Amino acid sequence: MRQPNVTVYGSRTCPDTQRATRYLDANQVAYEFKDVDETPELNEYVASLNSGKRVIPAIRINNETLINPPDDRLAKAIADAAPKG
């Protein structure tokens, strides 16, 4: 089964980012991780996704943005975005 395009913007030291990436790893969802600590200019992009507030993790699934989603919302977004067929 093909998977949706998933990008996680976060910090490796952030507990919420760690929770989200653990969930993705446990469910074998491939994702690209963009570390805002290693690339500080990403902070402006993250803020632009959330009405000017820098909240992480910001997770892009195809063209949808989730801001610090609970696992159940993350699971639904992944399922909804997965290519059918």
N, C-alpha and C. Protein backbone atom coordinates (compact mmCIF):
# COMPACT_ATOMS: atom_id res chain seq x y z
N MET A 1 0.84 -1.18 0.00
CA MET A 1 0.00 0.00 0.00
C MET A 1 0.88 1.25 0.00
N ARG A 2 0.57 2.18 -0.88
CA ARG A 2 1.28 3.45 -0.90
C ARG A 2 0.86 4.28 0.29
N GLN A 3 1.77 5.13 0.75
CA GLN A 3 1.49 5.96 1.92
C GLN A 3 1.44 7.42 1.51
N PRO A 4 0.79 8.23 2.33
CA PRO A 4 0.76 9.66 2.05
C PRO A 4 2.14 10.28 2.28
N ASN A 5 2.33 11.47 1.75
CA ASN A 5 3.56 12.22 1.95
C ASN A 5 3.48 12.90 3.32
N VAL A 6 4.37 12.53 4.25
CA VAL A 6 4.32 13.04 5.62
C VAL A 6 5.64 13.74 5.95
N THR A 7 5.53 14.97 6.45
CA THR A 7 6.69 15.72 6.91
C THR A 7 6.41 16.19 8.33
N VAL A 8 7.36 15.94 9.23
CA VAL A 8 7.24 16.36 10.63
C VAL A 8 8.24 17.48 10.87
N TYR A 9 7.73 18.63 11.32
CA TYR A 9 8.57 19.76 11.73
C TYR A 9 8.55 19.76 13.24
N GLY A 10 9.72 19.60 13.86
CA GLY A 10 9.75 19.53 15.32
C GLY A 10 11.17 19.57 15.84
N SER A 11 11.29 19.23 17.11
CA SER A 11 12.58 19.20 17.79
C SER A 11 12.76 17.83 18.41
N ARG A 12 13.94 17.27 18.28
CA ARG A 12 14.19 15.95 18.86
C ARG A 12 14.10 15.96 20.38
N THR A 13 14.19 17.15 21.01
CA THR A 13 14.10 17.24 22.47
C THR A 13 12.69 17.56 22.96
N CYS A 14 11.74 17.75 22.05
CA CYS A 14 10.36 18.09 22.41
C CYS A 14 9.56 16.82 22.69
N PRO A 15 8.97 16.69 23.88
CA PRO A 15 8.19 15.49 24.20
C PRO A 15 7.02 15.25 23.24
N ASP A 16 6.36 16.31 22.78
CA ASP A 16 5.24 16.13 21.86
C ASP A 16 5.73 15.64 20.49
N THR A 17 6.86 16.15 20.04
CA THR A 17 7.44 15.67 18.79
C THR A 17 7.86 14.21 18.94
N GLN A 18 8.47 13.87 20.06
CA GLN A 18 8.88 12.48 20.31
C GLN A 18 7.67 11.55 20.29
N ARG A 19 6.58 11.96 20.90
CA ARG A 19 5.36 11.14 20.92
C ARG A 19 4.86 10.90 19.50
N ALA A 20 4.79 11.97 18.71
CA ALA A 20 4.27 11.85 17.34
C ALA A 20 5.16 10.97 16.48
N THR A 21 6.48 11.15 16.57
CA THR A 21 7.37 10.32 15.75
C THR A 21 7.38 8.87 16.23
N ARG A 22 7.22 8.64 17.53
CA ARG A 22 7.10 7.26 18.03
C ARG A 22 5.85 6.60 17.44
N TYR A 23 4.75 7.36 17.39
CA TYR A 23 3.52 6.82 16.81
C TYR A 23 3.75 6.47 15.33
N LEU A 24 4.35 7.38 14.58
CA LEU A 24 4.59 7.11 13.16
C LEU A 24 5.51 5.91 12.98
N ASP A 25 6.57 5.83 13.78
CA ASP A 25 7.49 4.70 13.70
C ASP A 25 6.79 3.38 14.03
N ALA A 26 6.00 3.39 15.10
CA ALA A 26 5.32 2.17 15.54
C ALA A 26 4.32 1.68 14.50
N ASN A 27 3.79 2.61 13.70
CA ASN A 27 2.80 2.25 12.69
C ASN A 27 3.41 2.20 11.29
N GLN A 28 4.75 2.20 11.25
CA GLN A 28 5.50 2.06 10.00
C GLN A 28 5.07 3.06 8.93
N VAL A 29 4.87 4.30 9.37
CA VAL A 29 4.54 5.39 8.46
C VAL A 29 5.84 6.13 8.14
N ALA A 30 6.21 6.13 6.87
CA ALA A 30 7.42 6.84 6.46
C ALA A 30 7.17 8.34 6.55
N TYR A 31 8.20 9.07 6.99
CA TYR A 31 8.08 10.53 7.09
C TYR A 31 9.45 11.17 6.96
N GLU A 32 9.43 12.43 6.60
CA GLU A 32 10.65 13.23 6.57
C GLU A 32 10.63 14.09 7.83
N PHE A 33 11.75 14.11 8.56
CA PHE A 33 11.83 14.90 9.79
C PHE A 33 12.65 16.15 9.54
N LYS A 34 12.09 17.30 9.86
CA LYS A 34 12.79 18.58 9.73
C LYS A 34 12.95 19.16 11.13
N ASP A 35 14.19 19.23 11.59
CA ASP A 35 14.50 19.66 12.95
C ASP A 35 14.63 21.18 13.02
N VAL A 36 13.73 21.82 13.78
CA VAL A 36 13.76 23.28 13.89
C VAL A 36 14.95 23.77 14.71
N ASP A 37 15.55 22.89 15.50
CA ASP A 37 16.75 23.28 16.25
C ASP A 37 17.97 23.33 15.33
N GLU A 38 18.04 22.39 14.41
CA GLU A 38 19.17 22.34 13.47
C GLU A 38 19.02 23.36 12.34
N THR A 39 17.77 23.70 12.02
CA THR A 39 17.49 24.64 10.94
C THR A 39 16.52 25.70 11.48
N PRO A 40 17.02 26.68 12.22
CA PRO A 40 16.16 27.65 12.89
C PRO A 40 15.23 28.43 11.95
N GLU A 41 15.62 28.60 10.70
CA GLU A 41 14.75 29.34 9.78
C GLU A 41 13.41 28.62 9.55
N LEU A 42 13.34 27.34 9.89
CA LEU A 42 12.07 26.62 9.78
C LEU A 42 11.03 27.11 10.79
N ASN A 43 11.49 27.77 11.86
CA ASN A 43 10.55 28.29 12.86
C ASN A 43 9.54 29.26 12.24
N GLU A 44 9.98 30.09 11.31
CA GLU A 44 9.05 31.02 10.65
C GLU A 44 8.03 30.24 9.83
N TYR A 45 8.46 29.21 9.14
CA TYR A 45 7.53 28.40 8.36
C TYR A 45 6.51 27.71 9.27
N VAL A 46 6.98 27.14 10.37
CA VAL A 46 6.08 26.49 11.32
C VAL A 46 5.06 27.49 11.84
N ALA A 47 5.51 28.69 12.19
CA ALA A 47 4.59 29.73 12.67
C ALA A 47 3.57 30.10 11.59
N SER A 48 4.00 30.13 10.34
CA SER A 48 3.07 30.48 9.25
C SER A 48 1.98 29.43 9.07
N LEU A 49 2.24 28.20 9.49
CA LEU A 49 1.24 27.13 9.38
C LEU A 49 0.17 27.24 10.48
N ASN A 50 0.46 28.04 11.52
CA ASN A 50 -0.42 28.07 12.70
C ASN A 50 -0.69 29.51 13.14
N SER A 51 -1.15 30.33 12.23
CA SER A 51 -1.58 31.70 12.55
C SER A 51 -0.52 32.49 13.32
N GLY A 52 0.74 32.29 12.97
CA GLY A 52 1.81 33.05 13.58
C GLY A 52 2.38 32.47 14.86
N LYS A 53 1.84 31.35 15.33
CA LYS A 53 2.32 30.73 16.57
C LYS A 53 3.23 29.56 16.24
N ARG A 54 4.38 29.51 16.90
CA ARG A 54 5.30 28.40 16.69
C ARG A 54 4.93 27.28 17.67
N VAL A 55 4.21 26.31 17.16
CA VAL A 55 3.83 25.14 17.96
C VAL A 55 4.33 23.91 17.23
N ILE A 56 5.02 23.05 17.96
CA ILE A 56 5.52 21.81 17.35
C ILE A 56 5.02 20.61 18.15
N PRO A 57 4.89 19.48 17.50
CA PRO A 57 5.19 19.26 16.11
C PRO A 57 4.11 19.82 15.18
N ALA A 58 4.56 20.30 14.04
CA ALA A 58 3.67 20.63 12.94
C ALA A 58 3.87 19.52 11.92
N ILE A 59 2.79 18.85 11.58
CA ILE A 59 2.89 17.69 10.70
C ILE A 59 2.08 17.96 9.44
N ARG A 60 2.76 17.86 8.30
CA ARG A 60 2.11 18.03 7.01
C ARG A 60 1.87 16.63 6.43
N ILE A 61 0.61 16.35 6.13
CA ILE A 61 0.24 15.08 5.50
C ILE A 61 -0.42 15.46 4.18
N ASN A 62 0.30 15.18 3.09
CA ASN A 62 -0.08 15.68 1.77
C ASN A 62 -0.24 17.19 1.89
N ASN A 63 -1.41 17.73 1.75
CA ASN A 63 -1.58 19.19 1.84
C ASN A 63 -2.30 19.62 3.10
N GLU A 64 -2.44 18.75 4.06
CA GLU A 64 -3.11 19.08 5.32
C GLU A 64 -2.06 19.31 6.41
N THR A 65 -2.32 20.28 7.27
CA THR A 65 -1.42 20.57 8.37
C THR A 65 -2.09 20.22 9.69
N LEU A 66 -1.38 19.46 10.51
CA LEU A 66 -1.83 19.14 11.87
C LEU A 66 -0.84 19.78 12.84
N ILE A 67 -1.35 20.47 13.83
CA ILE A 67 -0.51 21.10 14.83
C ILE A 67 -0.63 20.32 16.14
N ASN A 68 0.46 19.68 16.52
CA ASN A 68 0.52 18.88 17.76
C ASN A 68 -0.72 17.99 17.93
N PRO A 69 -0.97 17.13 16.95
CA PRO A 69 -2.20 16.32 17.01
C PRO A 69 -2.08 15.17 18.00
N PRO A 70 -3.18 14.82 18.67
CA PRO A 70 -3.18 13.58 19.45
C PRO A 70 -3.08 12.39 18.50
N ASP A 71 -2.68 11.25 19.02
CA ASP A 71 -2.45 10.08 18.17
C ASP A 71 -3.68 9.68 17.37
N ASP A 72 -4.88 9.79 17.95
CA ASP A 72 -6.07 9.37 17.21
C ASP A 72 -6.34 10.28 16.02
N ARG A 73 -6.09 11.57 16.17
CA ARG A 73 -6.27 12.49 15.04
C ARG A 73 -5.20 12.25 13.98
N LEU A 74 -3.99 11.97 14.40
CA LEU A 74 -2.91 11.66 13.48
C LEU A 74 -3.24 10.39 12.69
N ALA A 75 -3.73 9.38 13.36
CA ALA A 75 -4.11 8.12 12.70
C ALA A 75 -5.20 8.35 11.66
N LYS A 76 -6.21 9.14 11.99
CA LYS A 76 -7.30 9.41 11.06
C LYS A 76 -6.80 10.19 9.85
N ALA A 77 -5.95 11.18 10.07
CA ALA A 77 -5.42 11.97 8.96
C ALA A 77 -4.59 11.11 8.01
N ILE A 78 -3.81 10.20 8.56
CA ILE A 78 -3.01 9.30 7.73
C ILE A 78 -3.90 8.36 6.94
N ALA A 79 -4.90 7.80 7.59
CA ALA A 79 -5.82 6.90 6.91
C ALA A 79 -6.60 7.64 5.80
N ASP A 80 -7.05 8.84 6.10
CA ASP A 80 -7.80 9.61 5.12
C ASP A 80 -6.94 10.01 3.92
N ALA A 81 -5.64 10.23 4.16
CA ALA A 81 -4.74 10.69 3.10
C ALA A 81 -4.12 9.55 2.29
N ALA A 82 -4.21 8.35 2.79
CA ALA A 82 -3.58 7.20 2.10
C ALA A 82 -4.27 7.00 0.75
N PRO A 83 -3.47 6.82 -0.29
CA PRO A 83 -4.06 6.57 -1.61
C PRO A 83 -4.93 5.31 -1.59
N LYS A 84 -6.05 5.40 -2.20
CA LYS A 84 -6.99 4.27 -2.25
C LYS A 84 -6.70 3.43 -3.49
N GLY A 85 -6.90 2.14 -3.35
CA GLY A 85 -6.79 1.30 -4.52
C GLY A 85 -5.69 0.40 -4.49
